[in-house]
Amino acid sequence: GFLASGIKRAYGLKDFNSIIPGHGGVMDRLDCQFLMALYTWVHYNAFIRMGTISVPKMLYIYNLLSESEQAEFLDRVTKLNIKP
């Protein structure tokens, strides 16, 4: 793995451990897994997970709209005819 190899080069080590002989130890086997877990987490949160919205967030976004956009928003919301 990238991280383990860099650390080994910096300290002049051949292996971190001998649990898996010839494979550089457990750290060599796991550091790329940690990197992929981070990538997967970022990808999931950026592109897949549905964002949640609260009433304060909605009011904040509503206040960012122009007056004509606010009027259109209110018109569309009243036409939804949602029953509690």
N, C-alpha and C. Protein backbone atom coordinates (compact mmCIF):
# COMPACT_ATOMS: atom_id res chain seq x y z
N GLY A 1 0.82 -1.19 0.00
CA GLY A 1 0.00 0.00 0.00
C GLY A 1 0.85 1.24 0.00
N PHE A 2 0.23 2.35 -0.33
CA PHE A 2 0.94 3.61 -0.49
C PHE A 2 1.46 4.16 0.83
N LEU A 3 0.61 4.24 1.82
CA LEU A 3 1.00 4.82 3.10
C LEU A 3 2.06 3.97 3.79
N ALA A 4 1.82 2.69 3.85
CA ALA A 4 2.77 1.79 4.53
C ALA A 4 4.12 1.81 3.83
N SER A 5 4.14 1.82 2.50
CA SER A 5 5.41 1.84 1.77
C SER A 5 6.19 3.11 2.06
N GLY A 6 5.49 4.23 2.12
CA GLY A 6 6.16 5.50 2.43
C GLY A 6 6.76 5.51 3.81
N ILE A 7 6.02 4.98 4.78
CA ILE A 7 6.53 4.92 6.16
C ILE A 7 7.72 3.98 6.24
N LYS A 8 7.63 2.83 5.57
CA LYS A 8 8.74 1.88 5.60
C LYS A 8 9.99 2.48 4.98
N ARG A 9 9.85 3.20 3.86
CA ARG A 9 11.01 3.82 3.22
C ARG A 9 11.63 4.87 4.14
N ALA A 10 10.77 5.64 4.82
CA ALA A 10 11.27 6.71 5.69
C ALA A 10 12.07 6.15 6.87
N TYR A 11 11.68 4.99 7.36
CA TYR A 11 12.35 4.41 8.53
C TYR A 11 13.26 3.24 8.19
N GLY A 12 13.40 2.91 6.93
CA GLY A 12 14.30 1.86 6.50
C GLY A 12 13.86 0.47 6.96
N LEU A 13 12.59 0.23 7.02
CA LEU A 13 12.07 -1.08 7.44
C LEU A 13 11.72 -1.93 6.23
N LYS A 14 11.83 -3.24 6.38
CA LYS A 14 11.41 -4.14 5.31
C LYS A 14 9.93 -4.50 5.47
N ASP A 15 9.55 -4.89 6.65
CA ASP A 15 8.16 -5.26 6.93
C ASP A 15 7.71 -4.64 8.24
N PHE A 16 6.41 -4.38 8.34
CA PHE A 16 5.85 -3.93 9.60
C PHE A 16 5.62 -5.09 10.55
N ASN A 17 5.32 -6.24 9.99
CA ASN A 17 4.95 -7.37 10.82
C ASN A 17 5.20 -8.65 10.03
N SER A 18 5.23 -9.74 10.73
CA SER A 18 5.45 -11.01 10.03
C SER A 18 4.22 -11.91 10.09
N ILE A 19 3.05 -11.34 10.37
CA ILE A 19 1.81 -12.13 10.43
C ILE A 19 1.51 -12.73 9.05
N ILE A 20 1.73 -11.93 8.01
CA ILE A 20 1.53 -12.41 6.64
C ILE A 20 2.90 -12.38 5.97
N PRO A 21 3.71 -13.42 6.07
CA PRO A 21 5.06 -13.39 5.52
C PRO A 21 5.09 -13.07 4.02
N GLY A 22 6.00 -12.20 3.64
CA GLY A 22 6.16 -11.83 2.24
C GLY A 22 5.18 -10.78 1.74
N HIS A 23 4.27 -10.35 2.60
CA HIS A 23 3.28 -9.35 2.18
C HIS A 23 3.44 -8.03 2.89
N GLY A 24 4.51 -7.86 3.64
CA GLY A 24 4.77 -6.57 4.26
C GLY A 24 3.99 -6.31 5.53
N GLY A 25 3.25 -7.25 6.00
CA GLY A 25 2.51 -7.07 7.25
C GLY A 25 1.08 -6.62 7.03
N VAL A 26 0.38 -6.55 8.11
CA VAL A 26 -1.05 -6.21 8.08
C VAL A 26 -1.26 -4.79 7.57
N MET A 27 -0.41 -3.86 7.99
CA MET A 27 -0.59 -2.47 7.57
C MET A 27 -0.51 -2.32 6.06
N ASP A 28 0.39 -3.05 5.42
CA ASP A 28 0.47 -3.01 3.96
C ASP A 28 -0.82 -3.49 3.31
N ARG A 29 -1.48 -4.44 3.92
CA ARG A 29 -2.71 -5.01 3.36
C ARG A 29 -3.91 -4.11 3.61
N LEU A 30 -3.86 -3.31 4.65
CA LEU A 30 -5.05 -2.54 5.04
C LEU A 30 -5.05 -1.08 4.63
N ASP A 31 -3.90 -0.47 4.39
CA ASP A 31 -3.92 0.97 4.15
C ASP A 31 -4.69 1.34 2.89
N CYS A 32 -4.63 0.55 1.85
CA CYS A 32 -5.42 0.83 0.65
C CYS A 32 -6.91 0.64 0.92
N GLN A 33 -7.23 -0.27 1.82
CA GLN A 33 -8.64 -0.45 2.18
C GLN A 33 -9.17 0.80 2.88
N PHE A 34 -8.33 1.41 3.72
CA PHE A 34 -8.75 2.65 4.38
C PHE A 34 -8.94 3.76 3.36
N LEU A 35 -8.05 3.85 2.39
CA LEU A 35 -8.17 4.85 1.34
C LEU A 35 -9.45 4.64 0.53
N MET A 36 -9.76 3.40 0.19
CA MET A 36 -10.98 3.12 -0.57
C MET A 36 -12.24 3.37 0.28
N ALA A 37 -12.16 3.11 1.57
CA ALA A 37 -13.30 3.41 2.45
C ALA A 37 -13.57 4.91 2.48
N LEU A 38 -12.52 5.71 2.53
CA LEU A 38 -12.68 7.16 2.49
C LEU A 38 -13.29 7.60 1.17
N TYR A 39 -12.78 7.08 0.06
CA TYR A 39 -13.32 7.42 -1.26
C TYR A 39 -14.80 7.04 -1.34
N THR A 40 -15.15 5.86 -0.87
CA THR A 40 -16.53 5.39 -0.92
C THR A 40 -17.43 6.29 -0.09
N TRP A 41 -16.97 6.69 1.09
CA TRP A 41 -17.76 7.56 1.96
C TRP A 41 -18.01 8.91 1.29
N VAL A 42 -16.97 9.50 0.71
CA VAL A 42 -17.11 10.80 0.03
C VAL A 42 -18.06 10.67 -1.15
N HIS A 43 -17.90 9.64 -1.96
CA HIS A 43 -18.76 9.44 -3.13
C HIS A 43 -20.22 9.27 -2.70
N TYR A 44 -20.45 8.45 -1.68
CA TYR A 44 -21.82 8.22 -1.21
C TYR A 44 -22.45 9.52 -0.72
N ASN A 45 -21.73 10.28 0.10
CA ASN A 45 -22.30 11.50 0.66
C ASN A 45 -22.46 12.61 -0.38
N ALA A 46 -21.63 12.60 -1.41
CA ALA A 46 -21.70 13.65 -2.41
C ALA A 46 -22.73 13.36 -3.51
N PHE A 47 -22.91 12.08 -3.88
CA PHE A 47 -23.71 11.78 -5.06
C PHE A 47 -24.92 10.88 -4.83
N ILE A 48 -24.93 10.10 -3.77
CA ILE A 48 -25.97 9.08 -3.63
C ILE A 48 -26.98 9.41 -2.54
N ARG A 49 -26.50 9.76 -1.36
CA ARG A 49 -27.38 10.00 -0.22
C ARG A 49 -28.34 11.14 -0.51
N MET A 50 -29.58 10.92 -0.14
CA MET A 50 -30.57 11.98 -0.30
C MET A 50 -30.37 13.00 0.82
N GLY A 51 -30.28 14.24 0.46
CA GLY A 51 -30.12 15.28 1.47
C GLY A 51 -31.41 15.50 2.21
N THR A 52 -31.31 15.81 3.47
CA THR A 52 -32.50 16.10 4.25
C THR A 52 -32.66 17.61 4.33
N ILE A 53 -33.88 18.04 4.46
CA ILE A 53 -34.14 19.47 4.57
C ILE A 53 -35.08 19.70 5.74
N SER A 54 -34.81 20.73 6.48
CA SER A 54 -35.62 21.08 7.63
C SER A 54 -36.35 22.38 7.35
N VAL A 55 -37.28 22.73 8.21
CA VAL A 55 -38.02 23.98 8.04
C VAL A 55 -37.08 25.18 8.07
N PRO A 56 -36.14 25.27 9.01
CA PRO A 56 -35.21 26.41 8.97
C PRO A 56 -34.41 26.50 7.66
N LYS A 57 -33.99 25.33 7.13
CA LYS A 57 -33.27 25.35 5.84
C LYS A 57 -34.17 25.84 4.73
N MET A 58 -35.43 25.39 4.74
CA MET A 58 -36.37 25.83 3.70
C MET A 58 -36.60 27.33 3.77
N LEU A 59 -36.75 27.86 4.98
CA LEU A 59 -36.96 29.31 5.14
C LEU A 59 -35.73 30.10 4.70
N TYR A 60 -34.55 29.58 5.00
CA TYR A 60 -33.32 30.24 4.58
C TYR A 60 -33.25 30.29 3.05
N ILE A 61 -33.52 29.16 2.40
CA ILE A 61 -33.47 29.11 0.94
C ILE A 61 -34.56 29.99 0.33
N TYR A 62 -35.74 29.98 0.95
CA TYR A 62 -36.85 30.81 0.48
C TYR A 62 -36.45 32.29 0.49
N ASN A 63 -35.77 32.71 1.55
CA ASN A 63 -35.36 34.12 1.64
C ASN A 63 -34.28 34.49 0.63
N LEU A 64 -33.60 33.50 0.08
CA LEU A 64 -32.59 33.78 -0.96
C LEU A 64 -33.22 34.00 -2.33
N LEU A 65 -34.48 33.62 -2.49
CA LEU A 65 -35.16 33.76 -3.78
C LEU A 65 -35.55 35.22 -4.01
N SER A 66 -35.68 35.56 -5.29
CA SER A 66 -36.18 36.90 -5.62
C SER A 66 -37.67 36.95 -5.32
N GLU A 67 -38.25 38.15 -5.34
CA GLU A 67 -39.68 38.29 -5.03
C GLU A 67 -40.55 37.51 -6.01
N SER A 68 -40.19 37.52 -7.27
CA SER A 68 -40.99 36.80 -8.27
C SER A 68 -40.87 35.28 -8.06
N GLU A 69 -39.67 34.82 -7.68
CA GLU A 69 -39.49 33.40 -7.41
C GLU A 69 -40.24 32.98 -6.14
N GLN A 70 -40.26 33.87 -5.14
CA GLN A 70 -41.02 33.58 -3.93
C GLN A 70 -42.51 33.46 -4.24
N ALA A 71 -43.01 34.36 -5.08
CA ALA A 71 -44.43 34.32 -5.45
C ALA A 71 -44.73 33.03 -6.21
N GLU A 72 -43.87 32.64 -7.13
CA GLU A 72 -44.07 31.40 -7.88
C GLU A 72 -44.03 30.19 -6.94
N PHE A 73 -43.10 30.20 -5.99
CA PHE A 73 -43.00 29.11 -5.03
C PHE A 73 -44.28 28.98 -4.22
N LEU A 74 -44.77 30.11 -3.68
CA LEU A 74 -46.00 30.07 -2.89
C LEU A 74 -47.19 29.61 -3.72
N ASP A 75 -47.24 30.04 -4.98
CA ASP A 75 -48.32 29.62 -5.87
C ASP A 75 -48.29 28.11 -6.09
N ARG A 76 -47.12 27.57 -6.34
CA ARG A 76 -47.00 26.13 -6.56
C ARG A 76 -47.28 25.32 -5.30
N VAL A 77 -46.86 25.81 -4.15
CA VAL A 77 -47.09 25.11 -2.90
C VAL A 77 -48.59 25.07 -2.59
N THR A 78 -49.28 26.17 -2.81
CA THR A 78 -50.72 26.18 -2.53
C THR A 78 -51.49 25.27 -3.49
N LYS A 79 -50.96 25.04 -4.67
CA LYS A 79 -51.63 24.16 -5.65
C LYS A 79 -51.37 22.67 -5.36
N LEU A 80 -50.46 22.35 -4.44
CA LEU A 80 -50.17 20.95 -4.13
C LEU A 80 -51.35 20.28 -3.45
N ASN A 81 -52.18 21.03 -2.70
CA ASN A 81 -53.37 20.48 -2.07
C ASN A 81 -53.02 19.30 -1.15
N ILE A 82 -52.08 19.50 -0.27
CA ILE A 82 -51.63 18.46 0.66
C ILE A 82 -52.53 18.45 1.88
N LYS A 83 -53.01 17.27 2.23
CA LYS A 83 -53.87 17.10 3.42
C LYS A 83 -52.99 16.63 4.59
N PRO A 84 -53.19 17.22 5.79
CA PRO A 84 -52.38 16.79 6.96
C PRO A 84 -52.76 15.41 7.46
